[in-house]
Amino acid sequence: MAEPESTVVNPSVKQKDPSKALVIAVTTRAIFNLEEEHQLYLEKGKEEYVRHQQANQDRPLPPGTAFAFIQAVQYVNKKILESNPAEEDLFDILLLSNNSPESGVRIINSAKHYGLEISKFCFVSDEDSTQYLKSHGVKLFLSADRTDVCNALRRGVSAALVFQQEVQAPSTPLRVAFDGDAVLFSDETDQVFREQGLEGAVQYERAMEAVPMGEGPMKAFAMHLGKIHKKFNREECPIRTYLVTARSGRDMGIRAIKTLREWGLAIDEAFFMDGAPKGPILAQIQPHIFFDDGLHNIQGAQDMGVPSAWVPSCC
């Protein structure tokens, strides 16, 4: 992916109220490519890692998997404030890092270099950093560390694991794609499928068609995203959302649609793939991020250059 242009953070950027904003916490390894530095840390220890970061503090880190997603979020804020300069329902970005403060200068300088509007930098060395998510009002947490993601999910925060990958650079508007079961919805039907097979799952869905599904780990984030989406008419909205599910539209799609309707969550486009690979349709959509609980679907998306985040159901 080509390196974005260097810009300077605008000092007049509107300060966000975390009680009203959609707060997204992202770790350094999710937003920047720190694989070389992380390997150094594993092989030679913390002191050598800190020395390396300090020696390179003025050299910007290359973009990571979640970088384009954060840039697109900033674009949405820009469009919101153009429409209403007093609007407070904005995205707010918090960078959460297990780096020690003395090695954090390079992180801050990298954010400045790319013009990332990050409101808070939290350097929490050798701690479970997810303990601070609720106090900051975080609605979505993206990390490259599975333990952190599982801890966040246990705390009731929408969270996903970001794998470092080479990604395409999607243009605006912000495009977010969700899997259905065990992501937006609960895993109740998945459990039936594992116990009774496809026919059992189909029969279960038919019997439960009028009953909304339970909420999945990404519902809270999706609902806040939907709240911002509603501020715009369809033609001018800088956000597009997608449901890309392995469900069959004929046999299992109605309950999904009725559940979204019951929640009041409008999705721009829905694809019921009936078990077919998701990669090709995701390549066409080109989302800034795709959430799925299946590692095979994550791999298929990654093979197409789609930034992907795993929502583990086995924490």
C-alpha atoms as a PDB file:
ATOM      1  CA  MET A   1       0.000   0.000   0.000  1.00  0.00           C
ATOM      2  CA  ALA A   2       1.361   3.386  -0.956  1.00  0.00           C
ATOM      3  CA  GLU A   3       2.402   5.599   1.956  1.00  0.00           C
ATOM      4  CA  PRO A   4      -0.169   8.327   2.630  1.00  0.00           C
ATOM      5  CA  GLU A   5       0.829  11.937   2.265  1.00  0.00           C
ATOM      6  CA  SER A   6       2.406  13.564   5.282  1.00  0.00           C
ATOM      7  CA  THR A   7       0.148  16.118   6.900  1.00  0.00           C
ATOM      8  CA  VAL A   8       0.071  18.147  10.087  1.00  0.00           C
ATOM      9  CA  VAL A   9      -2.552  17.653  12.777  1.00  0.00           C
ATOM     10  CA  ASN A  10      -4.995  20.546  12.735  1.00  0.00           C
ATOM     11  CA  PRO A  11      -4.827  22.243  16.156  1.00  0.00           C
ATOM     12  CA  SER A  12      -8.396  23.515  15.704  1.00  0.00           C
ATOM     13  CA  VAL A  13      -9.894  20.004  15.455  1.00  0.00           C
ATOM     14  CA  LYS A  14     -13.136  19.901  17.436  1.00  0.00           C
ATOM     15  CA  GLN A  15     -12.737  18.367  20.887  1.00  0.00           C
ATOM     16  CA  LYS A  16     -15.074  15.415  21.359  1.00  0.00           C
ATOM     17  CA  ASP A  17     -17.325  14.684  24.317  1.00  0.00           C
ATOM     18  CA  PRO A  18     -16.683  10.983  25.086  1.00  0.00           C
ATOM     19  CA  SER A  19     -20.148  10.641  26.626  1.00  0.00           C
ATOM     20  CA  LYS A  20     -21.689  11.464  23.232  1.00  0.00           C
ATOM     21  CA  ALA A  21     -19.005  10.353  20.763  1.00  0.00           C
ATOM     22  CA  LEU A  22     -18.478   6.904  19.272  1.00  0.00           C
ATOM     23  CA  VAL A  23     -15.145   6.153  20.911  1.00  0.00           C
ATOM     24  CA  ILE A  24     -12.850   3.736  19.076  1.00  0.00           C
ATOM     25  CA  ALA A  25      -9.746   2.460  20.840  1.00  0.00           C
ATOM     26  CA  VAL A  26      -7.002   1.088  18.613  1.00  0.00           C
ATOM     27  CA  THR A  27      -3.638  -0.342  19.601  1.00  0.00           C
ATOM     28  CA  THR A  28      -0.375   0.700  18.000  1.00  0.00           C
ATOM     29  CA  ARG A  29       0.125  -2.664  16.272  1.00  0.00           C
ATOM     30  CA  ALA A  30      -3.361  -2.459  14.760  1.00  0.00           C
ATOM     31  CA  ILE A  31      -2.987   1.022  13.268  1.00  0.00           C
ATOM     32  CA  PHE A  32       0.746   0.912  12.423  1.00  0.00           C
ATOM     33  CA  ASN A  33       2.951  -1.854  11.060  1.00  0.00           C
ATOM     34  CA  LEU A  34       5.144  -2.689  14.047  1.00  0.00           C
ATOM     35  CA  GLU A  35       5.899  -6.296  13.132  1.00  0.00           C
ATOM     36  CA  GLU A  36       9.657  -5.673  12.798  1.00  0.00           C
ATOM     37  CA  GLU A  37       9.745  -3.862  16.145  1.00  0.00           C
ATOM     38  CA  HIS A  38       7.572  -6.506  17.814  1.00  0.00           C
ATOM     39  CA  GLN A  39       9.945  -9.223  16.633  1.00  0.00           C
ATOM     40  CA  LEU A  40      12.849  -7.228  18.075  1.00  0.00           C
ATOM     41  CA  TYR A  41      11.009  -7.055  21.392  1.00  0.00           C
ATOM     42  CA  LEU A  42      10.413 -10.822  21.408  1.00  0.00           C
ATOM     43  CA  GLU A  43      13.999 -11.678  20.475  1.00  0.00           C
ATOM     44  CA  LYS A  44      16.035  -9.075  22.365  1.00  0.00           C
ATOM     45  CA  GLY A  45      13.752  -7.749  25.079  1.00  0.00           C
ATOM     46  CA  LYS A  46      12.168  -4.531  26.205  1.00  0.00           C
ATOM     47  CA  GLU A  47      15.341  -2.476  26.666  1.00  0.00           C
ATOM     48  CA  GLU A  48      16.548  -3.055  23.110  1.00  0.00           C
ATOM     49  CA  TYR A  49      13.036  -2.336  21.806  1.00  0.00           C
ATOM     50  CA  VAL A  50      12.925   0.981  23.693  1.00  0.00           C
ATOM     51  CA  ARG A  51      16.370   1.951  22.401  1.00  0.00           C
ATOM     52  CA  HIS A  52      15.257   1.205  18.844  1.00  0.00           C
ATOM     53  CA  GLN A  53      12.089   3.264  19.177  1.00  0.00           C
ATOM     54  CA  GLN A  54      13.938   6.205  20.689  1.00  0.00           C
ATOM     55  CA  ALA A  55      16.638   6.090  18.005  1.00  0.00           C
ATOM     56  CA  ASN A  56      13.938   6.124  15.311  1.00  0.00           C
ATOM     57  CA  GLN A  57      11.482   8.473  16.984  1.00  0.00           C
ATOM     58  CA  ASP A  58      11.460  10.856  14.003  1.00  0.00           C
ATOM     59  CA  ARG A  59      10.957   8.087  11.425  1.00  0.00           C
ATOM     60  CA  PRO A  60       7.215   7.500  10.864  1.00  0.00           C
ATOM     61  CA  LEU A  61       5.949   3.965  11.207  1.00  0.00           C
ATOM     62  CA  PRO A  62       4.319   2.497   8.085  1.00  0.00           C
ATOM     63  CA  PRO A  63       0.511   2.171   8.085  1.00  0.00           C
ATOM     64  CA  GLY A  64      -1.022  -0.996   9.495  1.00  0.00           C
ATOM     65  CA  THR A  65      -4.236  -2.893   8.817  1.00  0.00           C
ATOM     66  CA  ALA A  66      -6.622  -0.526  10.637  1.00  0.00           C
ATOM     67  CA  PHE A  67      -5.000   2.648   9.289  1.00  0.00           C
ATOM     68  CA  ALA A  68      -7.383   3.170   6.342  1.00  0.00           C
ATOM     69  CA  PHE A  69     -10.385   2.526   8.625  1.00  0.00           C
ATOM     70  CA  ILE A  70      -9.287   5.296  11.001  1.00  0.00           C
ATOM     71  CA  GLN A  71      -8.689   7.676   8.086  1.00  0.00           C
ATOM     72  CA  ALA A  72     -12.194   6.956   6.765  1.00  0.00           C
ATOM     73  CA  VAL A  73     -13.653   7.596  10.227  1.00  0.00           C
ATOM     74  CA  GLN A  74     -12.007  11.017  10.174  1.00  0.00           C
ATOM     75  CA  TYR A  75     -13.622  11.671   6.803  1.00  0.00           C
ATOM     76  CA  VAL A  76     -17.041  10.989   8.345  1.00  0.00           C
ATOM     77  CA  ASN A  77     -16.313  13.484  11.136  1.00  0.00           C
ATOM     78  CA  LYS A  78     -15.388  16.063   8.506  1.00  0.00           C
ATOM     79  CA  LYS A  79     -18.683  15.542   6.653  1.00  0.00           C
ATOM     80  CA  ILE A  80     -20.689  15.680   9.900  1.00  0.00           C
ATOM     81  CA  LEU A  81     -19.141  18.997  10.940  1.00  0.00           C
ATOM     82  CA  GLU A  82     -19.612  20.454   7.467  1.00  0.00           C
ATOM     83  CA  SER A  83     -23.312  19.743   7.885  1.00  0.00           C
ATOM     84  CA  ASN A  84     -23.517  20.909  11.520  1.00  0.00           C
ATOM     85  CA  PRO A  85     -20.465  22.521  13.211  1.00  0.00           C
ATOM     86  CA  ALA A  86     -22.134  22.104  16.614  1.00  0.00           C
ATOM     87  CA  GLU A  87     -22.685  18.343  16.233  1.00  0.00           C
ATOM     88  CA  GLU A  88     -21.337  16.248  19.120  1.00  0.00           C
ATOM     89  CA  ASP A  89     -22.171  12.754  17.862  1.00  0.00           C
ATOM     90  CA  LEU A  90     -18.739  12.205  16.317  1.00  0.00           C
ATOM     91  CA  PHE A  91     -16.139   9.473  16.151  1.00  0.00           C
ATOM     92  CA  ASP A  92     -13.390   9.831  18.748  1.00  0.00           C
ATOM     93  CA  ILE A  93     -10.127   7.893  18.394  1.00  0.00           C
ATOM     94  CA  LEU A  94      -8.096   6.734  21.368  1.00  0.00           C
ATOM     95  CA  LEU A  95      -4.725   5.043  20.950  1.00  0.00           C
ATOM     96  CA  LEU A  96      -4.075   2.417  23.595  1.00  0.00           C
ATOM     97  CA  SER A  97      -0.566   1.023  23.822  1.00  0.00           C
ATOM     98  CA  ASN A  98       1.379  -1.428  25.942  1.00  0.00           C
ATOM     99  CA  ASN A  99       4.469   0.567  25.041  1.00  0.00           C
ATOM    100  CA  SER A 100       6.156   2.340  27.899  1.00  0.00           C
ATOM    101  CA  PRO A 101       5.873   6.149  27.799  1.00  0.00           C
ATOM    102  CA  GLU A 102       9.586   6.530  26.991  1.00  0.00           C
ATOM    103  CA  SER A 103       9.111   4.602  23.731  1.00  0.00           C
ATOM    104  CA  GLY A 104       5.851   6.347  22.853  1.00  0.00           C
ATOM    105  CA  VAL A 105       7.339   9.436  21.182  1.00  0.00           C
ATOM    106  CA  ARG A 106       7.626   7.601  17.862  1.00  0.00           C
ATOM    107  CA  ILE A 107       3.960   6.612  18.075  1.00  0.00           C
ATOM    108  CA  ILE A 108       2.844  10.200  18.661  1.00  0.00           C
ATOM    109  CA  ASN A 109       5.125  11.519  15.917  1.00  0.00           C
ATOM    110  CA  SER A 110       3.769   8.928  13.477  1.00  0.00           C
ATOM    111  CA  ALA A 111       0.191   9.986  14.211  1.00  0.00           C
ATOM    112  CA  LYS A 112       1.144  13.622  13.641  1.00  0.00           C
ATOM    113  CA  HIS A 113       2.947  12.751  10.410  1.00  0.00           C
ATOM    114  CA  TYR A 114      -0.184  11.220   8.908  1.00  0.00           C
ATOM    115  CA  GLY A 115      -2.582  13.805  10.308  1.00  0.00           C
ATOM    116  CA  LEU A 116      -4.448  11.288  12.470  1.00  0.00           C
ATOM    117  CA  GLU A 117      -6.898  13.004  14.803  1.00  0.00           C
ATOM    118  CA  ILE A 118      -6.257  10.902  17.886  1.00  0.00           C
ATOM    119  CA  SER A 119      -7.661  12.577  20.983  1.00  0.00           C
ATOM    120  CA  LYS A 120      -5.910  10.497  23.639  1.00  0.00           C
ATOM    121  CA  PHE A 121      -2.687   8.482  23.814  1.00  0.00           C
ATOM    122  CA  CYS A 122      -2.595   5.953  26.653  1.00  0.00           C
ATOM    123  CA  PHE A 123       0.743   4.221  27.253  1.00  0.00           C
ATOM    124  CA  VAL A 124       0.182   1.428  29.745  1.00  0.00           C
ATOM    125  CA  SER A 125       3.354  -0.580  30.197  1.00  0.00           C
ATOM    126  CA  ASP A 126       3.081  -4.195  31.376  1.00  0.00           C
ATOM    127  CA  GLU A 127      -0.601  -3.866  32.320  1.00  0.00           C
ATOM    128  CA  ASP A 128      -3.920  -5.206  31.099  1.00  0.00           C
ATOM    129  CA  SER A 129      -4.769  -2.064  29.174  1.00  0.00           C
ATOM    130  CA  THR A 130      -8.353  -3.173  28.557  1.00  0.00           C
ATOM    131  CA  GLN A 131      -9.224  -2.261  32.154  1.00  0.00           C
ATOM    132  CA  TYR A 132      -9.398   1.361  30.991  1.00  0.00           C
ATOM    133  CA  LEU A 133     -11.803   0.847  28.072  1.00  0.00           C
ATOM    134  CA  LYS A 134     -15.050   1.358  29.993  1.00  0.00           C
ATOM    135  CA  SER A 135     -13.772   4.482  31.777  1.00  0.00           C
ATOM    136  CA  HIS A 136     -13.072   6.046  28.362  1.00  0.00           C
ATOM    137  CA  GLY A 137     -16.504   5.044  27.023  1.00  0.00           C
ATOM    138  CA  VAL A 138     -14.976   2.846  24.301  1.00  0.00           C
ATOM    139  CA  LYS A 139     -17.520   1.333  21.873  1.00  0.00           C
ATOM    140  CA  LEU A 140     -15.019  -0.550  19.663  1.00  0.00           C
ATOM    141  CA  PHE A 141     -11.577  -1.934  20.468  1.00  0.00           C
ATOM    142  CA  LEU A 142      -9.162  -3.103  17.761  1.00  0.00           C
ATOM    143  CA  SER A 143      -6.002  -4.907  18.780  1.00  0.00           C
ATOM    144  CA  ALA A 144      -3.345  -7.211  17.348  1.00  0.00           C
ATOM    145  CA  ASP A 145      -3.227  -9.158  20.622  1.00  0.00           C
ATOM    146  CA  ARG A 146      -5.770 -11.936  21.147  1.00  0.00           C
ATOM    147  CA  THR A 147      -5.588 -11.785  24.941  1.00  0.00           C
ATOM    148  CA  ASP A 148      -6.466  -8.084  24.878  1.00  0.00           C
ATOM    149  CA  VAL A 149      -9.412  -8.732  22.549  1.00  0.00           C
ATOM    150  CA  CYS A 150     -10.766 -11.534  24.735  1.00  0.00           C
ATOM    151  CA  ASN A 151     -10.384  -9.371  27.846  1.00  0.00           C
ATOM    152  CA  ALA A 152     -12.295  -6.554  26.146  1.00  0.00           C
ATOM    153  CA  LEU A 153     -15.091  -8.884  25.030  1.00  0.00           C
ATOM    154  CA  ARG A 154     -15.395 -10.202  28.602  1.00  0.00           C
ATOM    155  CA  ARG A 155     -15.759  -6.591  29.739  1.00  0.00           C
ATOM    156  CA  GLY A 156     -18.682  -6.163  27.354  1.00  0.00           C
ATOM    157  CA  VAL A 157     -16.842  -4.018  24.788  1.00  0.00           C
ATOM    158  CA  SER A 158     -17.165  -4.735  21.048  1.00  0.00           C
ATOM    159  CA  ALA A 159     -13.680  -5.921  20.079  1.00  0.00           C
ATOM    160  CA  ALA A 160     -11.848  -7.682  17.275  1.00  0.00           C
ATOM    161  CA  LEU A 161      -8.398  -9.030  16.499  1.00  0.00           C
ATOM    162  CA  VAL A 162      -6.563  -7.318  13.650  1.00  0.00           C
ATOM    163  CA  PHE A 163      -3.950  -9.319  11.724  1.00  0.00           C
ATOM    164  CA  GLN A 164      -1.147  -7.404  10.041  1.00  0.00           C
ATOM    165  CA  GLN A 165      -1.604  -7.610   6.284  1.00  0.00           C
ATOM    166  CA  GLU A 166      -0.959  -5.746   3.075  1.00  0.00           C
ATOM    167  CA  VAL A 167      -4.214  -3.982   2.293  1.00  0.00           C
ATOM    168  CA  GLN A 168      -5.647  -2.007  -0.552  1.00  0.00           C
ATOM    169  CA  ALA A 169      -6.375   1.657   0.157  1.00  0.00           C
ATOM    170  CA  PRO A 170     -10.156   1.979  -0.199  1.00  0.00           C
ATOM    171  CA  SER A 171     -11.542   5.406  -0.993  1.00  0.00           C
ATOM    172  CA  THR A 172     -14.298   7.104   0.962  1.00  0.00           C
ATOM    173  CA  PRO A 173     -17.051   6.739   2.108  1.00  0.00           C
ATOM    174  CA  LEU A 174     -16.465   4.648   5.220  1.00  0.00           C
ATOM    175  CA  ARG A 175     -17.506   1.065   4.452  1.00  0.00           C
ATOM    176  CA  VAL A 176     -17.970  -1.471   7.243  1.00  0.00           C
ATOM    177  CA  ALA A 177     -18.955  -5.108   6.619  1.00  0.00           C
ATOM    178  CA  PHE A 178     -20.301  -7.447   9.302  1.00  0.00           C
ATOM    179  CA  ASP A 179     -20.817 -11.181   9.424  1.00  0.00           C
ATOM    180  CA  GLY A 180     -24.118 -12.207  11.035  1.00  0.00           C
ATOM    181  CA  ASP A 181     -24.106 -15.109  13.503  1.00  0.00           C
ATOM    182  CA  ALA A 182     -21.690 -14.732  16.445  1.00  0.00           C
ATOM    183  CA  VAL A 183     -20.831 -11.202  15.241  1.00  0.00           C
ATOM    184  CA  LEU A 184     -23.910  -8.985  14.868  1.00  0.00           C
ATOM    185  CA  PHE A 185     -26.223 -11.708  16.189  1.00  0.00           C
ATOM    186  CA  SER A 186     -25.750 -14.256  18.954  1.00  0.00           C
ATOM    187  CA  ASP A 187     -24.360 -17.703  18.133  1.00  0.00           C
ATOM    188  CA  GLU A 188     -27.577 -19.531  19.015  1.00  0.00           C
ATOM    189  CA  THR A 189     -28.148 -20.817  15.465  1.00  0.00           C
ATOM    190  CA  ASP A 190     -24.474 -21.764  15.121  1.00  0.00           C
ATOM    191  CA  GLN A 191     -24.869 -23.934  18.209  1.00  0.00           C
ATOM    192  CA  VAL A 192     -27.912 -25.655  16.689  1.00  0.00           C
ATOM    193  CA  PHE A 193     -25.968 -26.173  13.457  1.00  0.00           C
ATOM    194  CA  ARG A 194     -23.068 -27.798  15.329  1.00  0.00           C
ATOM    195  CA  GLU A 195     -25.416 -30.110  17.224  1.00  0.00           C
ATOM    196  CA  GLN A 196     -28.052 -30.914  14.577  1.00  0.00           C
ATOM    197  CA  GLY A 197     -26.507 -30.030  11.208  1.00  0.00           C
ATOM    198  CA  LEU A 198     -27.812 -27.757   8.479  1.00  0.00           C
ATOM    199  CA  GLU A 199     -31.309 -29.237   8.320  1.00  0.00           C
ATOM    200  CA  GLY A 200     -31.707 -28.827  12.068  1.00  0.00           C
ATOM    201  CA  ALA A 201     -30.554 -25.200  11.864  1.00  0.00           C
ATOM    202  CA  VAL A 202     -33.006 -24.481   9.027  1.00  0.00           C
ATOM    203  CA  GLN A 203     -35.896 -26.011  10.970  1.00  0.00           C
ATOM    204  CA  TYR A 204     -34.893 -24.027  14.063  1.00  0.00           C
ATOM    205  CA  GLU A 205     -34.824 -20.757  12.100  1.00  0.00           C
ATOM    206  CA  ARG A 206     -38.236 -21.438  10.587  1.00  0.00           C
ATOM    207  CA  ALA A 207     -39.706 -22.133  14.025  1.00  0.00           C
ATOM    208  CA  MET A 208     -38.078 -18.988  15.469  1.00  0.00           C
ATOM    209  CA  GLU A 209     -38.708 -16.713  12.486  1.00  0.00           C
ATOM    210  CA  ALA A 210     -40.837 -14.236  14.454  1.00  0.00           C
ATOM    211  CA  VAL A 211     -38.413 -14.123  17.423  1.00  0.00           C
ATOM    212  CA  PRO A 212     -35.520 -11.631  17.137  1.00  0.00           C
ATOM    213  CA  MET A 213     -32.079 -13.133  17.595  1.00  0.00           C
ATOM    214  CA  GLY A 214     -29.965 -12.274  20.600  1.00  0.00           C
ATOM    215  CA  GLU A 215     -27.244  -9.661  20.289  1.00  0.00           C
ATOM    216  CA  GLY A 216     -23.725 -10.545  19.237  1.00  0.00           C
ATOM    217  CA  PRO A 217     -20.452  -8.970  20.356  1.00  0.00           C
ATOM    218  CA  MET A 218     -20.466  -6.320  17.600  1.00  0.00           C
ATOM    219  CA  LYS A 219     -24.080  -5.202  18.007  1.00  0.00           C
ATOM    220  CA  ALA A 220     -23.292  -2.268  20.327  1.00  0.00           C
ATOM    221  CA  PHE A 221     -20.756  -0.827  17.886  1.00  0.00           C
ATOM    222  CA  ALA A 222     -23.081  -1.397  14.924  1.00  0.00           C
ATOM    223  CA  MET A 223     -25.915   0.404  16.709  1.00  0.00           C
ATOM    224  CA  HIS A 224     -23.754   3.458  17.441  1.00  0.00           C
ATOM    225  CA  LEU A 225     -22.559   3.419  13.844  1.00  0.00           C
ATOM    226  CA  GLY A 226     -26.188   3.253  12.734  1.00  0.00           C
ATOM    227  CA  LYS A 227     -27.020   6.264  14.909  1.00  0.00           C
ATOM    228  CA  ILE A 228     -24.452   8.355  13.032  1.00  0.00           C
ATOM    229  CA  HIS A 229     -25.614   6.881   9.715  1.00  0.00           C
ATOM    230  CA  LYS A 230     -29.123   8.210  10.351  1.00  0.00           C
ATOM    231  CA  LYS A 231     -27.889  11.802  10.447  1.00  0.00           C
ATOM    232  CA  PHE A 232     -27.571  11.765   6.666  1.00  0.00           C
ATOM    233  CA  ASN A 233     -29.936  11.051   3.828  1.00  0.00           C
ATOM    234  CA  ARG A 234     -29.063   7.968   1.799  1.00  0.00           C
ATOM    235  CA  GLU A 235     -27.607   9.886  -1.159  1.00  0.00           C
ATOM    236  CA  GLU A 236     -25.195  11.979   0.918  1.00  0.00           C
ATOM    237  CA  CYS A 237     -24.274   9.557   3.723  1.00  0.00           C
ATOM    238  CA  PRO A 238     -20.492   9.108   4.177  1.00  0.00           C
ATOM    239  CA  ILE A 239     -21.081   5.662   5.729  1.00  0.00           C
ATOM    240  CA  ARG A 240     -22.145   2.414   4.073  1.00  0.00           C
ATOM    241  CA  THR A 241     -22.772  -0.765   6.024  1.00  0.00           C
ATOM    242  CA  TYR A 242     -23.004  -4.353   4.808  1.00  0.00           C
ATOM    243  CA  LEU A 243     -24.164  -7.698   6.148  1.00  0.00           C
ATOM    244  CA  VAL A 244     -22.211 -10.537   4.522  1.00  0.00           C
ATOM    245  CA  THR A 245     -23.411 -13.809   6.009  1.00  0.00           C
ATOM    246  CA  ALA A 246     -23.105 -17.488   5.169  1.00  0.00           C
ATOM    247  CA  ARG A 247     -26.852 -17.849   5.808  1.00  0.00           C
ATOM    248  CA  SER A 248     -29.160 -18.874   2.996  1.00  0.00           C
ATOM    249  CA  GLY A 249     -31.499 -16.049   2.065  1.00  0.00           C
ATOM    250  CA  ARG A 250     -34.313 -18.460   1.215  1.00  0.00           C
ATOM    251  CA  ASP A 251     -34.221 -20.542   4.386  1.00  0.00           C
ATOM    252  CA  MET A 252     -32.538 -18.343   7.003  1.00  0.00           C
ATOM    253  CA  GLY A 253     -32.548 -14.769   5.740  1.00  0.00           C
ATOM    254  CA  ILE A 254     -35.979 -13.632   6.934  1.00  0.00           C
ATOM    255  CA  ARG A 255     -35.163 -13.893  10.635  1.00  0.00           C
ATOM    256  CA  ALA A 256     -31.951 -11.916  10.167  1.00  0.00           C
ATOM    257  CA  ILE A 257     -33.799  -9.125   8.366  1.00  0.00           C
ATOM    258  CA  LYS A 258     -36.580  -9.092  10.953  1.00  0.00           C
ATOM    259  CA  THR A 259     -34.009  -8.914  13.759  1.00  0.00           C
ATOM    260  CA  LEU A 260     -32.315  -5.882  12.210  1.00  0.00           C
ATOM    261  CA  ARG A 261     -35.739  -4.278  11.771  1.00  0.00           C
ATOM    262  CA  GLU A 262     -36.602  -4.957  15.425  1.00  0.00           C
ATOM    263  CA  TRP A 263     -33.329  -3.360  16.506  1.00  0.00           C
ATOM    264  CA  GLY A 264     -33.899  -0.337  14.281  1.00  0.00           C
ATOM    265  CA  LEU A 265     -30.553  -1.005  12.593  1.00  0.00           C
ATOM    266  CA  ALA A 266     -30.568  -0.109   8.906  1.00  0.00           C
ATOM    267  CA  ILE A 267     -28.006  -1.960   6.765  1.00  0.00           C
ATOM    268  CA  ASP A 268     -27.299  -0.571   3.287  1.00  0.00           C
ATOM    269  CA  GLU A 269     -26.686  -3.927   1.612  1.00  0.00           C
ATOM    270  CA  ALA A 270     -27.102  -7.558   2.691  1.00  0.00           C
ATOM    271  CA  PHE A 271     -25.557 -10.617   1.055  1.00  0.00           C
ATOM    272  CA  PHE A 272     -26.819 -14.082   2.006  1.00  0.00           C
ATOM    273  CA  MET A 273     -24.071 -16.293   0.628  1.00  0.00           C
ATOM    274  CA  ASP A 274     -25.546 -19.753   1.379  1.00  0.00           C
ATOM    275  CA  GLY A 275     -22.105 -21.005   2.396  1.00  0.00           C
ATOM    276  CA  ALA A 276     -20.242 -19.661  -0.643  1.00  0.00           C
ATOM    277  CA  PRO A 277     -16.852 -17.935  -0.150  1.00  0.00           C
ATOM    278  CA  LYS A 278     -17.165 -14.316   0.969  1.00  0.00           C
ATOM    279  CA  GLY A 279     -13.865 -13.097  -0.482  1.00  0.00           C
ATOM    280  CA  PRO A 280     -15.080 -12.235  -4.014  1.00  0.00           C
ATOM    281  CA  ILE A 281     -18.035 -10.125  -2.850  1.00  0.00           C
ATOM    282  CA  LEU A 282     -15.870  -8.413  -0.237  1.00  0.00           C
ATOM    283  CA  ALA A 283     -13.325  -7.588  -2.929  1.00  0.00           C
ATOM    284  CA  GLN A 284     -16.144  -5.864  -4.813  1.00  0.00           C
ATOM    285  CA  ILE A 285     -17.393  -3.992  -1.736  1.00  0.00           C
ATOM    286  CA  GLN A 286     -13.857  -2.998  -0.645  1.00  0.00           C
ATOM    287  CA  PRO A 287     -14.741  -2.340   3.008  1.00  0.00           C
ATOM    288  CA  HIS A 288     -12.353  -0.466   5.250  1.00  0.00           C
ATOM    289  CA  ILE A 289     -12.893  -3.279   7.746  1.00  0.00           C
ATOM    290  CA  PHE A 290     -14.701  -6.636   7.740  1.00  0.00           C
ATOM    291  CA  PHE A 291     -15.719  -8.374  10.985  1.00  0.00           C
ATOM    292  CA  ASP A 292     -16.177 -12.163  11.075  1.00  0.00           C
ATOM    293  CA  ASP A 293     -15.943 -14.942  13.664  1.00  0.00           C
ATOM    294  CA  GLY A 294     -14.663 -17.527  11.153  1.00  0.00           C
ATOM    295  CA  LEU A 295     -10.926 -17.639  10.543  1.00  0.00           C
ATOM    296  CA  HIS A 296     -11.505 -19.218   7.111  1.00  0.00           C
ATOM    297  CA  ASN A 297     -13.590 -16.198   6.136  1.00  0.00           C
ATOM    298  CA  ILE A 298     -10.929 -13.854   7.497  1.00  0.00           C
ATOM    299  CA  GLN A 299      -8.299 -15.671   5.421  1.00  0.00           C
ATOM    300  CA  GLY A 300     -10.475 -15.471   2.310  1.00  0.00           C
ATOM    301  CA  ALA A 301     -10.938 -11.740   2.812  1.00  0.00           C
ATOM    302  CA  GLN A 302      -7.224 -11.205   3.440  1.00  0.00           C
ATOM    303  CA  ASP A 303      -6.398 -13.062   0.225  1.00  0.00           C
ATOM    304  CA  MET A 304      -8.447 -10.392  -1.562  1.00  0.00           C
ATOM    305  CA  GLY A 305      -6.610  -7.549   0.187  1.00  0.00           C
ATOM    306  CA  VAL A 306      -9.589  -6.720   2.418  1.00  0.00           C
ATOM    307  CA  PRO A 307      -8.726  -5.353   5.914  1.00  0.00           C
ATOM    308  CA  SER A 308     -10.219  -7.922   8.260  1.00  0.00           C
ATOM    309  CA  ALA A 309     -10.775  -8.332  11.994  1.00  0.00           C
ATOM    310  CA  TRP A 310     -11.563 -11.570  13.780  1.00  0.00           C
ATOM    311  CA  VAL A 311     -14.241 -11.637  16.490  1.00  0.00           C
ATOM    312  CA  PRO A 312     -13.264 -14.742  18.489  1.00  0.00           C
ATOM    313  CA  SER A 313     -16.069 -16.785  20.013  1.00  0.00           C
ATOM    314  CA  CYS A 314     -13.684 -19.095  21.851  1.00  0.00           C
ATOM    315  CA  CYS A 315     -12.132 -16.787  24.419  1.00  0.00           C
END
